[in-house]
């Protein structure tokens, strides 16, 4: 999958509403990523690692995994 322009240097993209993190190298469903970027609720992590995403309370998204969507905190 091609990475979004705003997140072209990031591997992990988080959704602030659901607290799920997507691995852009492994994720195949472009519609989900486009919806996150279009809504302006994406976040990237520094350092760009799954450990940092988990440190901030995010869990790795898997196909079919859903969480309650909330309004973004920031």
C-alpha atoms as a PDB file:
ATOM      1  CA  UNK A   1       0.000   0.000   0.000  1.00  0.00           C
ATOM      2  CA  UNK A   2       1.230   3.494  -0.796  1.00  0.00           C
ATOM      3  CA  UNK A   3       1.669   5.735   2.224  1.00  0.00           C
ATOM      4  CA  UNK A   4      -0.355   8.954   2.533  1.00  0.00           C
ATOM      5  CA  UNK A   5       1.557  12.130   1.666  1.00  0.00           C
ATOM      6  CA  UNK A   6       1.317  13.557   5.175  1.00  0.00           C
ATOM      7  CA  UNK A   7       2.609  10.313   6.720  1.00  0.00           C
ATOM      8  CA  UNK A   8       5.075   9.262   4.012  1.00  0.00           C
ATOM      9  CA  UNK A   9       7.962   8.800   6.475  1.00  0.00           C
ATOM     10  CA  UNK A  10       5.928   6.962   9.128  1.00  0.00           C
ATOM     11  CA  UNK A  11       5.383   3.228   9.353  1.00  0.00           C
ATOM     12  CA  UNK A  12       2.773   3.290  12.132  1.00  0.00           C
ATOM     13  CA  UNK A  13      -0.350   5.459  11.838  1.00  0.00           C
ATOM     14  CA  UNK A  14      -2.656   5.826  14.835  1.00  0.00           C
ATOM     15  CA  UNK A  15      -6.366   6.632  14.831  1.00  0.00           C
ATOM     16  CA  UNK A  16      -7.104   9.067  17.683  1.00  0.00           C
ATOM     17  CA  UNK A  17     -10.784   8.069  17.772  1.00  0.00           C
ATOM     18  CA  UNK A  18     -10.362   4.336  18.292  1.00  0.00           C
ATOM     19  CA  UNK A  19      -6.828   4.186  19.750  1.00  0.00           C
ATOM     20  CA  UNK A  20      -5.833   1.630  17.080  1.00  0.00           C
ATOM     21  CA  UNK A  21      -2.488   1.787  15.301  1.00  0.00           C
ATOM     22  CA  UNK A  22      -2.050   0.599  11.705  1.00  0.00           C
ATOM     23  CA  UNK A  23       1.195  -0.797  10.295  1.00  0.00           C
ATOM     24  CA  UNK A  24       1.308   0.847   6.864  1.00  0.00           C
ATOM     25  CA  UNK A  25       3.789  -1.752   5.561  1.00  0.00           C
ATOM     26  CA  UNK A  26       1.409  -4.622   6.345  1.00  0.00           C
ATOM     27  CA  UNK A  27      -2.086  -3.074   6.062  1.00  0.00           C
ATOM     28  CA  UNK A  28      -3.918  -3.752   2.770  1.00  0.00           C
ATOM     29  CA  UNK A  29      -7.227  -1.865   3.130  1.00  0.00           C
ATOM     30  CA  UNK A  30      -6.503   1.623   1.750  1.00  0.00           C
ATOM     31  CA  UNK A  31     -10.054   2.828   2.488  1.00  0.00           C
ATOM     32  CA  UNK A  32      -9.457   2.720   6.249  1.00  0.00           C
ATOM     33  CA  UNK A  33      -6.241   4.734   5.994  1.00  0.00           C
ATOM     34  CA  UNK A  34      -7.800   7.253   3.590  1.00  0.00           C
ATOM     35  CA  UNK A  35     -10.718   7.751   5.998  1.00  0.00           C
ATOM     36  CA  UNK A  36      -8.339   8.424   8.918  1.00  0.00           C
ATOM     37  CA  UNK A  37      -6.283  10.932   6.918  1.00  0.00           C
ATOM     38  CA  UNK A  38      -9.407  12.565   5.441  1.00  0.00           C
ATOM     39  CA  UNK A  39     -10.948  13.055   8.879  1.00  0.00           C
ATOM     40  CA  UNK A  40      -7.710  14.548  10.212  1.00  0.00           C
ATOM     41  CA  UNK A  41      -7.477  12.175  13.172  1.00  0.00           C
ATOM     42  CA  UNK A  42      -4.212  10.423  12.308  1.00  0.00           C
ATOM     43  CA  UNK A  43      -1.130  10.516  14.506  1.00  0.00           C
ATOM     44  CA  UNK A  44       2.412   9.314  13.956  1.00  0.00           C
ATOM     45  CA  UNK A  45       4.815   8.328  16.690  1.00  0.00           C
ATOM     46  CA  UNK A  46       8.371   9.320  17.454  1.00  0.00           C
ATOM     47  CA  UNK A  47      10.277   7.071  17.477  1.00  0.00           C
ATOM     48  CA  UNK A  48       8.270   5.332  14.791  1.00  0.00           C
ATOM     49  CA  UNK A  49       7.806   2.006  16.552  1.00  0.00           C
ATOM     50  CA  UNK A  50       5.027  -0.225  17.790  1.00  0.00           C
ATOM     51  CA  UNK A  51       6.494  -0.042  21.291  1.00  0.00           C
ATOM     52  CA  UNK A  52       6.019   3.762  21.345  1.00  0.00           C
ATOM     53  CA  UNK A  53       2.427   3.401  20.092  1.00  0.00           C
ATOM     54  CA  UNK A  54       1.677   0.890  22.842  1.00  0.00           C
ATOM     55  CA  UNK A  55       3.308   3.216  25.365  1.00  0.00           C
ATOM     56  CA  UNK A  56       0.699   5.826  24.404  1.00  0.00           C
ATOM     57  CA  UNK A  57      -2.200   3.392  24.833  1.00  0.00           C
ATOM     58  CA  UNK A  58      -2.672   2.271  21.212  1.00  0.00           C
ATOM     59  CA  UNK A  59      -3.155  -1.352  20.174  1.00  0.00           C
ATOM     60  CA  UNK A  60      -2.248  -2.896  16.840  1.00  0.00           C
ATOM     61  CA  UNK A  61      -5.172  -3.085  14.430  1.00  0.00           C
ATOM     62  CA  UNK A  62      -5.993  -6.373  12.757  1.00  0.00           C
ATOM     63  CA  UNK A  63      -8.542  -6.912   9.989  1.00  0.00           C
ATOM     64  CA  UNK A  64     -12.002  -7.021  11.518  1.00  0.00           C
ATOM     65  CA  UNK A  65     -10.937  -5.561  14.865  1.00  0.00           C
ATOM     66  CA  UNK A  66     -13.204  -2.754  16.029  1.00  0.00           C
ATOM     67  CA  UNK A  67     -13.210  -0.452  19.017  1.00  0.00           C
ATOM     68  CA  UNK A  68     -15.566   2.202  20.221  1.00  0.00           C
ATOM     69  CA  UNK A  69     -14.914   5.435  18.351  1.00  0.00           C
ATOM     70  CA  UNK A  70     -14.640   8.525  20.472  1.00  0.00           C
ATOM     71  CA  UNK A  71     -13.951  12.115  19.586  1.00  0.00           C
ATOM     72  CA  UNK A  72     -10.217  12.914  19.393  1.00  0.00           C
ATOM     73  CA  UNK A  73      -8.645  14.277  22.543  1.00  0.00           C
ATOM     74  CA  UNK A  74      -6.331  16.626  20.718  1.00  0.00           C
END
